[in-house]
PDB file of N, CA and C in Angstrom:
ATOM      1  N   UNK A   1      28.330  -4.708  -6.126  1.00  0.00           N
ATOM      2  CA  UNK A   1      28.298  -3.487  -6.490  1.00  0.00           C
ATOM      3  C   UNK A   1      29.668  -2.798  -6.716  1.00  0.00           C
ATOM      4  N   UNK A   2      29.416  -2.012  -7.918  1.00  0.00           N
ATOM      5  CA  UNK A   2      30.458  -0.906  -8.239  1.00  0.00           C
ATOM      6  C   UNK A   2      31.176   0.102  -6.992  1.00  0.00           C
ATOM      7  N   UNK A   3      32.573   0.323  -7.198  1.00  0.00           N
ATOM      8  CA  UNK A   3      32.611   1.234  -6.300  1.00  0.00           C
ATOM      9  C   UNK A   3      32.639   2.471  -6.720  1.00  0.00           C
ATOM     10  N   UNK A   4      32.614   3.309  -6.011  1.00  0.00           N
ATOM     11  CA  UNK A   4      32.608   4.886  -6.036  1.00  0.00           C
ATOM     12  C   UNK A   4      31.384   5.465  -7.357  1.00  0.00           C
ATOM     13  N   UNK A   5      30.425   4.250  -7.535  1.00  0.00           N
ATOM     14  CA  UNK A   5      29.365   5.270  -8.607  1.00  0.00           C
ATOM     15  C   UNK A   5      27.839   5.969  -7.680  1.00  0.00           C
ATOM     16  N   UNK A   6      28.052   5.464  -6.375  1.00  0.00           N
ATOM     17  CA  UNK A   6      27.028   6.015  -5.725  1.00  0.00           C
ATOM     18  C   UNK A   6      27.234   7.292  -4.967  1.00  0.00           C
ATOM     19  N   UNK A   7      26.421   8.172  -4.617  1.00  0.00           N
ATOM     20  CA  UNK A   7      26.808   9.528  -3.768  1.00  0.00           C
ATOM     21  C   UNK A   7      27.059   9.224  -2.193  1.00  0.00           C
ATOM     22  N   UNK A   8      27.597   9.891  -1.679  1.00  0.00           N
ATOM     23  CA  UNK A   8      28.074   9.490  -0.408  1.00  0.00           C
ATOM     24  C   UNK A   8      26.951   9.254   0.617  1.00  0.00           C
ATOM     25  N   UNK A   9      26.060   9.853   0.354  1.00  0.00           N
ATOM     26  CA  UNK A   9      24.952   9.304   1.544  1.00  0.00           C
ATOM     27  C   UNK A   9      23.994   8.308   1.169  1.00  0.00           C
ATOM     28  N   UNK A  10      24.733   7.318   0.344  1.00  0.00           N
ATOM     29  CA  UNK A  10      23.780   6.519  -0.111  1.00  0.00           C
ATOM     30  C   UNK A  10      23.777   5.629   1.022  1.00  0.00           C
ATOM     31  N   UNK A  11      22.387   5.041   1.581  1.00  0.00           N
ATOM     32  CA  UNK A  11      22.516   3.915   2.935  1.00  0.00           C
ATOM     33  C   UNK A  11      21.112   3.104   2.672  1.00  0.00           C
ATOM     34  N   UNK A  12      21.211   2.357   3.613  1.00  0.00           N
ATOM     35  CA  UNK A  12      19.768   1.634   3.820  1.00  0.00           C
ATOM     36  C   UNK A  12      19.203   2.296   4.730  1.00  0.00           C
ATOM     37  N   UNK A  13      17.548   2.273   4.063  1.00  0.00           N
ATOM     38  CA  UNK A  13      16.564   3.465   4.554  1.00  0.00           C
ATOM     39  C   UNK A  13      15.323   2.312   4.847  1.00  0.00           C
ATOM     40  N   UNK A  14      14.922   2.426   5.825  1.00  0.00           N
ATOM     41  CA  UNK A  14      13.190   2.348   6.047  1.00  0.00           C
ATOM     42  C   UNK A  14      12.169   2.836   5.446  1.00  0.00           C
ATOM     43  N   UNK A  15      11.257   2.258   4.598  1.00  0.00           N
ATOM     44  CA  UNK A  15      10.380   2.836   4.161  1.00  0.00           C
ATOM     45  C   UNK A  15       9.170   2.430   4.615  1.00  0.00           C
ATOM     46  N   UNK A  16       8.238   2.854   5.211  1.00  0.00           N
ATOM     47  CA  UNK A  16       7.327   2.373   6.160  1.00  0.00           C
ATOM     48  C   UNK A  16       5.788   2.761   5.420  1.00  0.00           C
ATOM     49  N   UNK A  17       5.033   2.080   4.830  1.00  0.00           N
ATOM     50  CA  UNK A  17       3.744   2.689   4.098  1.00  0.00           C
ATOM     51  C   UNK A  17       2.639   2.262   5.392  1.00  0.00           C
ATOM     52  N   UNK A  18       2.517   3.863   5.459  1.00  0.00           N
ATOM     53  CA  UNK A  18       1.742   3.973   6.632  1.00  0.00           C
ATOM     54  C   UNK A  18       0.045   3.282   6.600  1.00  0.00           C
ATOM     55  N   UNK A  19      -0.167   3.430   5.653  1.00  0.00           N
ATOM     56  CA  UNK A  19      -1.541   2.710   5.068  1.00  0.00           C
ATOM     57  C   UNK A  19      -1.951   1.553   5.096  1.00  0.00           C
ATOM     58  N   UNK A  20      -0.766   0.666   4.886  1.00  0.00           N
ATOM     59  CA  UNK A  20      -0.708  -1.000   4.914  1.00  0.00           C
ATOM     60  C   UNK A  20      -0.074  -1.367   6.060  1.00  0.00           C
ATOM     61  N   UNK A  21       0.838  -0.750   6.494  1.00  0.00           N
ATOM     62  CA  UNK A  21       1.610  -1.068   7.680  1.00  0.00           C
ATOM     63  C   UNK A  21       2.675  -1.876   7.452  1.00  0.00           C
ATOM     64  N   UNK A  22       3.056  -1.709   6.404  1.00  0.00           N
ATOM     65  CA  UNK A  22       4.198  -2.898   5.565  1.00  0.00           C
ATOM     66  C   UNK A  22       5.391  -1.702   5.489  1.00  0.00           C
ATOM     67  N   UNK A  23       6.528  -2.482   5.876  1.00  0.00           N
ATOM     68  CA  UNK A  23       7.653  -1.650   5.938  1.00  0.00           C
ATOM     69  C   UNK A  23       8.923  -2.649   4.812  1.00  0.00           C
ATOM     70  N   UNK A  24       9.822  -1.468   4.193  1.00  0.00           N
ATOM     71  CA  UNK A  24      10.847  -1.937   3.408  1.00  0.00           C
ATOM     72  C   UNK A  24      12.116  -1.626   3.631  1.00  0.00           C
ATOM     73  N   UNK A  25      13.375  -2.203   3.790  1.00  0.00           N
ATOM     74  CA  UNK A  25      14.657  -1.611   3.491  1.00  0.00           C
ATOM     75  C   UNK A  25      14.958  -1.765   2.119  1.00  0.00           C
ATOM     76  N   UNK A  26      15.243  -0.546   2.083  1.00  0.00           N
ATOM     77  CA  UNK A  26      15.887  -0.201   0.468  1.00  0.00           C
ATOM     78  C   UNK A  26      16.839   0.757   0.646  1.00  0.00           C
ATOM     79  N   UNK A  27      17.869   0.522  -0.217  1.00  0.00           N
ATOM     80  CA  UNK A  27      19.239   1.873  -0.298  1.00  0.00           C
ATOM     81  C   UNK A  27      18.487   2.968  -1.120  1.00  0.00           C
ATOM     82  N   UNK A  28      18.935   4.145  -0.225  1.00  0.00           N
ATOM     83  CA  UNK A  28      18.455   5.228  -0.891  1.00  0.00           C
ATOM     84  C   UNK A  28      19.404   6.451  -0.563  1.00  0.00           C
ATOM     85  N   UNK A  29      18.846   7.474  -1.121  1.00  0.00           N
ATOM     86  CA  UNK A  29      19.929   8.784  -0.523  1.00  0.00           C
ATOM     87  C   UNK A  29      18.795   9.809   0.046  1.00  0.00           C
ATOM     88  N   UNK A  30      17.279   9.371   0.216  1.00  0.00           N
ATOM     89  CA  UNK A  30      16.383  10.464   0.852  1.00  0.00           C
ATOM     90  C   UNK A  30      17.156  10.778   2.099  1.00  0.00           C
ATOM     91  N   UNK A  31      16.507  12.264   2.640  1.00  0.00           N
ATOM     92  CA  UNK A  31      16.943  12.650   3.846  1.00  0.00           C
ATOM     93  C   UNK A  31      15.888  12.149   4.777  1.00  0.00           C
ATOM     94  N   UNK A  32      16.183  12.226   6.067  1.00  0.00           N
ATOM     95  CA  UNK A  32      14.806  11.884   6.983  1.00  0.00           C
ATOM     96  C   UNK A  32      15.245  12.191   8.413  1.00  0.00           C
ATOM     97  N   UNK A  33      14.735  12.667   9.272  1.00  0.00           N
ATOM     98  CA  UNK A  33      14.979  12.919  10.627  1.00  0.00           C
ATOM     99  C   UNK A  33      14.495  11.377  11.529  1.00  0.00           C
ATOM    100  N   UNK A  34      14.051  10.640  11.060  1.00  0.00           N
ATOM    101  CA  UNK A  34      13.560   9.896  11.914  1.00  0.00           C
ATOM    102  C   UNK A  34      14.189   8.651  11.593  1.00  0.00           C
ATOM    103  N   UNK A  35      14.465   7.773  12.673  1.00  0.00           N
ATOM    104  CA  UNK A  35      15.050   6.195  12.743  1.00  0.00           C
ATOM    105  C   UNK A  35      14.486   5.771  13.537  1.00  0.00           C
ATOM    106  N   UNK A  36      14.655   4.332  13.129  1.00  0.00           N
ATOM    107  CA  UNK A  36      13.960   2.899  13.703  1.00  0.00           C
ATOM    108  C   UNK A  36      14.860   1.661  13.517  1.00  0.00           C
ATOM    109  N   UNK A  37      14.133   0.641  14.260  1.00  0.00           N
ATOM    110  CA  UNK A  37      15.022  -0.726  14.470  1.00  0.00           C
ATOM    111  C   UNK A  37      14.237  -1.529  13.271  1.00  0.00           C
ATOM    112  N   UNK A  38      15.223  -2.240  12.730  1.00  0.00           N
ATOM    113  CA  UNK A  38      14.828  -3.280  12.150  1.00  0.00           C
ATOM    114  C   UNK A  38      14.538  -4.409  12.302  1.00  0.00           C
ATOM    115  N   UNK A  39      14.353  -5.365  11.964  1.00  0.00           N
ATOM    116  CA  UNK A  39      14.363  -6.896  12.271  1.00  0.00           C
ATOM    117  C   UNK A  39      15.500  -7.227  12.493  1.00  0.00           C
ATOM    118  N   UNK A  40      16.811  -6.825  11.811  1.00  0.00           N
ATOM    119  CA  UNK A  40      17.772  -7.449  12.578  1.00  0.00           C
ATOM    120  C   UNK A  40      18.477  -6.722  13.562  1.00  0.00           C
ATOM    121  N   UNK A  41      17.627  -5.846  14.381  1.00  0.00           N
ATOM    122  CA  UNK A  41      18.092  -5.121  15.369  1.00  0.00           C
ATOM    123  C   UNK A  41      19.230  -3.978  15.059  1.00  0.00           C
ATOM    124  N   UNK A  42      19.248  -3.694  14.021  1.00  0.00           N
ATOM    125  CA  UNK A  42      19.903  -2.061  13.782  1.00  0.00           C
ATOM    126  C   UNK A  42      19.239  -1.317  13.624  1.00  0.00           C
ATOM    127  N   UNK A  43      19.492   0.093  13.929  1.00  0.00           N
ATOM    128  CA  UNK A  43      18.626   1.355  13.585  1.00  0.00           C
ATOM    129  C   UNK A  43      18.717   1.739  12.319  1.00  0.00           C
ATOM    130  N   UNK A  44      18.103   2.044  11.331  1.00  0.00           N
ATOM    131  CA  UNK A  44      17.769   2.550  10.282  1.00  0.00           C
ATOM    132  C   UNK A  44      17.607   4.233   9.969  1.00  0.00           C
ATOM    133  N   UNK A  45      17.601   4.870   8.883  1.00  0.00           N
ATOM    134  CA  UNK A  45      16.409   6.012   9.011  1.00  0.00           C
ATOM    135  C   UNK A  45      15.419   5.285   8.577  1.00  0.00           C
ATOM    136  N   UNK A  46      14.306   6.104   9.125  1.00  0.00           N
ATOM    137  CA  UNK A  46      12.963   6.025   8.832  1.00  0.00           C
ATOM    138  C   UNK A  46      12.369   6.890   8.099  1.00  0.00           C
ATOM    139  N   UNK A  47      11.715   6.336   6.659  1.00  0.00           N
ATOM    140  CA  UNK A  47      10.775   7.575   6.087  1.00  0.00           C
ATOM    141  C   UNK A  47       9.636   6.726   5.809  1.00  0.00           C
ATOM    142  N   UNK A  48       8.490   7.524   6.130  1.00  0.00           N
ATOM    143  CA  UNK A  48       7.010   7.232   6.147  1.00  0.00           C
ATOM    144  C   UNK A  48       6.425   7.574   4.936  1.00  0.00           C
ATOM    145  N   UNK A  49       5.237   6.785   4.155  1.00  0.00           N
ATOM    146  CA  UNK A  49       5.157   7.184   2.835  1.00  0.00           C
ATOM    147  C   UNK A  49       3.577   6.773   2.797  1.00  0.00           C
ATOM    148  N   UNK A  50       2.549   7.005   1.979  1.00  0.00           N
ATOM    149  CA  UNK A  50       1.294   7.167   2.376  1.00  0.00           C
ATOM    150  C   UNK A  50       1.172   5.816   1.494  1.00  0.00           C
ATOM    151  N   UNK A  51       1.510   5.664   0.188  1.00  0.00           N
ATOM    152  CA  UNK A  51       1.356   4.298  -0.427  1.00  0.00           C
ATOM    153  C   UNK A  51       2.573   3.993  -1.118  1.00  0.00           C
ATOM    154  N   UNK A  52       2.489   2.619  -1.250  1.00  0.00           N
ATOM    155  CA  UNK A  52       3.206   1.932  -1.915  1.00  0.00           C
ATOM    156  C   UNK A  52       2.895   0.435  -2.411  1.00  0.00           C
ATOM    157  N   UNK A  53       3.727  -0.608  -3.232  1.00  0.00           N
ATOM    158  CA  UNK A  53       3.072  -1.763  -3.545  1.00  0.00           C
ATOM    159  C   UNK A  53       2.264  -2.295  -2.953  1.00  0.00           C
ATOM    160  N   UNK A  54       2.492  -2.256  -1.136  1.00  0.00           N
ATOM    161  CA  UNK A  54       1.535  -2.964  -0.907  1.00  0.00           C
ATOM    162  C   UNK A  54       0.481  -2.460  -0.238  1.00  0.00           C
ATOM    163  N   UNK A  55       0.005  -1.076  -0.744  1.00  0.00           N
ATOM    164  CA  UNK A  55      -1.341  -0.813  -0.634  1.00  0.00           C
ATOM    165  C   UNK A  55      -2.096  -0.087  -1.584  1.00  0.00           C
ATOM    166  N   UNK A  56      -1.185   0.044  -2.960  1.00  0.00           N
ATOM    167  CA  UNK A  56      -1.740   0.618  -4.461  1.00  0.00           C
ATOM    168  C   UNK A  56      -2.425  -0.357  -4.821  1.00  0.00           C
ATOM    169  N   UNK A  57      -3.778   0.119  -5.298  1.00  0.00           N
ATOM    170  CA  UNK A  57      -5.075  -0.663  -6.073  1.00  0.00           C
ATOM    171  C   UNK A  57      -4.132  -1.536  -7.284  1.00  0.00           C
ATOM    172  N   UNK A  58      -3.239  -0.881  -7.656  1.00  0.00           N
ATOM    173  CA  UNK A  58      -2.305  -1.718  -9.102  1.00  0.00           C
ATOM    174  C   UNK A  58      -1.998  -3.330  -8.755  1.00  0.00           C
ATOM    175  N   UNK A  59      -1.189  -3.084  -7.870  1.00  0.00           N
ATOM    176  CA  UNK A  59      -0.666  -4.271  -7.092  1.00  0.00           C
ATOM    177  C   UNK A  59      -1.660  -5.167  -6.346  1.00  0.00           C
ATOM    178  N   UNK A  60      -2.614  -4.627  -5.062  1.00  0.00           N
ATOM    179  CA  UNK A  60      -3.358  -5.119  -4.778  1.00  0.00           C
ATOM    180  C   UNK A  60      -4.622  -6.098  -5.255  1.00  0.00           C
ATOM    181  N   UNK A  61      -4.610  -5.476  -6.521  1.00  0.00           N
ATOM    182  CA  UNK A  61      -6.004  -6.105  -7.361  1.00  0.00           C
ATOM    183  C   UNK A  61      -7.461  -5.523  -6.468  1.00  0.00           C
ATOM    184  N   UNK A  62      -7.237  -4.375  -5.450  1.00  0.00           N
ATOM    185  CA  UNK A  62      -8.359  -4.135  -5.016  1.00  0.00           C
ATOM    186  C   UNK A  62      -8.580  -2.459  -5.617  1.00  0.00           C
ATOM    187  N   UNK A  63      -9.690  -2.728  -6.612  1.00  0.00           N
ATOM    188  CA  UNK A  63      -9.915  -1.298  -6.815  1.00  0.00           C
ATOM    189  C   UNK A  63     -10.996  -0.304  -5.879  1.00  0.00           C
ATOM    190  N   UNK A  64     -10.476   0.950  -5.887  1.00  0.00           N
ATOM    191  CA  UNK A  64     -11.510   2.040  -4.641  1.00  0.00           C
ATOM    192  C   UNK A  64     -11.818   3.026  -5.745  1.00  0.00           C
ATOM    193  N   UNK A  65     -13.264   3.638  -5.717  1.00  0.00           N
ATOM    194  CA  UNK A  65     -13.234   4.836  -6.459  1.00  0.00           C
ATOM    195  C   UNK A  65     -13.211   5.672  -4.744  1.00  0.00           C
ATOM    196  N   UNK A  66     -12.953   6.439  -4.774  1.00  0.00           N
ATOM    197  CA  UNK A  66     -13.032   7.635  -3.587  1.00  0.00           C
ATOM    198  C   UNK A  66     -13.582   8.667  -4.185  1.00  0.00           C
ATOM    199  N   UNK A  67     -14.650   8.900  -3.598  1.00  0.00           N
ATOM    200  CA  UNK A  67     -15.514  10.657  -4.565  1.00  0.00           C
ATOM    201  C   UNK A  67     -15.397  11.342  -3.458  1.00  0.00           C
ATOM    202  N   UNK A  68     -14.477  12.715  -3.776  1.00  0.00           N
ATOM    203  CA  UNK A  68     -14.584  13.452  -2.580  1.00  0.00           C
ATOM    204  C   UNK A  68     -14.990  14.780  -3.374  1.00  0.00           C
ATOM    205  N   UNK A  69     -15.811  15.327  -2.576  1.00  0.00           N
ATOM    206  CA  UNK A  69     -17.031  16.486  -2.692  1.00  0.00           C
ATOM    207  C   UNK A  69     -17.912  16.175  -4.408  1.00  0.00           C
ATOM    208  N   UNK A  70     -18.230  14.772  -4.366  1.00  0.00           N
ATOM    209  CA  UNK A  70     -19.146  14.797  -5.356  1.00  0.00           C
ATOM    210  C   UNK A  70     -18.833  14.886  -6.865  1.00  0.00           C
ATOM    211  N   UNK A  71     -17.373  14.913  -6.839  1.00  0.00           N
ATOM    212  CA  UNK A  71     -16.733  14.969  -8.411  1.00  0.00           C
ATOM    213  C   UNK A  71     -17.225  14.158  -9.437  1.00  0.00           C
ATOM    214  N   UNK A  72     -17.694  12.775  -9.035  1.00  0.00           N
ATOM    215  CA  UNK A  72     -17.936  11.604  -9.793  1.00  0.00           C
ATOM    216  C   UNK A  72     -19.624  12.028 -10.083  1.00  0.00           C
ATOM    217  N   UNK A  73     -20.644  12.445  -9.467  1.00  0.00           N
ATOM    218  CA  UNK A  73     -21.937  12.758  -9.945  1.00  0.00           C
ATOM    219  C   UNK A  73     -21.639  14.028 -10.487  1.00  0.00           C
ATOM    220  N   UNK A  74     -21.146  14.996 -10.407  1.00  0.00           N
ATOM    221  CA  UNK A  74     -20.742  16.158 -11.367  1.00  0.00           C
ATOM    222  C   UNK A  74     -20.550  15.706 -12.575  1.00  0.00           C
ATOM    223  N   UNK A  75     -19.500  14.861 -13.053  1.00  0.00           N
ATOM    224  CA  UNK A  75     -18.855  14.153 -14.057  1.00  0.00           C
ATOM    225  C   UNK A  75     -20.146  13.671 -14.719  1.00  0.00           C
ATOM    226  N   UNK A  76     -20.920  12.984 -14.327  1.00  0.00           N
ATOM    227  CA  UNK A  76     -21.611  11.880 -14.693  1.00  0.00           C
ATOM    228  C   UNK A  76     -23.006  12.982 -15.080  1.00  0.00           C
ATOM    229  N   UNK A  77     -23.374  14.132 -14.545  1.00  0.00           N
ATOM    230  CA  UNK A  77     -24.141  15.343 -14.942  1.00  0.00           C
ATOM    231  C   UNK A  77     -24.048  15.594 -16.051  1.00  0.00           C
ATOM    232  N   UNK A  78     -22.736  16.239 -16.466  1.00  0.00           N
ATOM    233  CA  UNK A  78     -21.684  16.710 -17.463  1.00  0.00           C
ATOM    234  C   UNK A  78     -21.841  16.131 -18.727  1.00  0.00           C
ATOM    235  N   UNK A  79     -21.570  14.798 -18.468  1.00  0.00           N
ATOM    236  CA  UNK A  79     -21.628  13.804 -19.290  1.00  0.00           C
ATOM    237  C   UNK A  79     -23.133  13.463 -20.098  1.00  0.00           C
ATOM    238  N   UNK A  80     -23.890  13.535 -19.256  1.00  0.00           N
ATOM    239  CA  UNK A  80     -25.609  13.354 -19.870  1.00  0.00           C
ATOM    240  C   UNK A  80     -26.016  14.342 -20.334  1.00  0.00           C
ATOM    241  N   UNK A  81     -25.695  15.746 -20.191  1.00  0.00           N
ATOM    242  CA  UNK A  81     -26.093  16.725 -20.422  1.00  0.00           C
ATOM    243  C   UNK A  81     -25.199  16.618 -22.168  1.00  0.00           C
ATOM    244  N   UNK A  82     -24.052  16.457 -22.076  1.00  0.00           N
ATOM    245  CA  UNK A  82     -23.085  16.451 -23.235  1.00  0.00           C
ATOM    246  C   UNK A  82     -23.844  15.631 -24.331  1.00  0.00           C
ATOM    247  N   UNK A  83     -24.625  14.469 -23.999  1.00  0.00           N
ATOM    248  CA  UNK A  83     -25.466  13.296 -24.499  1.00  0.00           C
ATOM    249  C   UNK A  83     -26.228  13.752 -25.271  1.00  0.00           C
ATOM    250  N   UNK A  84     -27.194  14.597 -24.464  1.00  0.00           N
ATOM    251  CA  UNK A  84     -28.452  14.948 -25.032  1.00  0.00           C
ATOM    252  C   UNK A  84     -28.219  16.082 -26.300  1.00  0.00           C
ATOM    253  N   UNK A  85     -27.314  16.439 -26.371  1.00  0.00           N
ATOM    254  CA  UNK A  85     -26.975  17.819 -27.386  1.00  0.00           C
ATOM    255  C   UNK A  85     -26.777  17.256 -28.503  1.00  0.00           C
TER     256      UNK A  85
END
């Protein structure tokens, strides 16, 4: 790695996918208040994310349609009305 090209606060950070339970150790400058131990026994800053490559449908190949408040049904009704016109 080239010297003096990264910011001062660039360090290894644990990113934890709370949905899939997977953890990644990646270099980052993200601010975090939590810390946790990694597999090597050292303590690193911890940042929790809701989605990552471990849980995103594009990477996992598992597609889910989450219908919140009937949005899919309302869309289908509007599409049916538009077809009739």
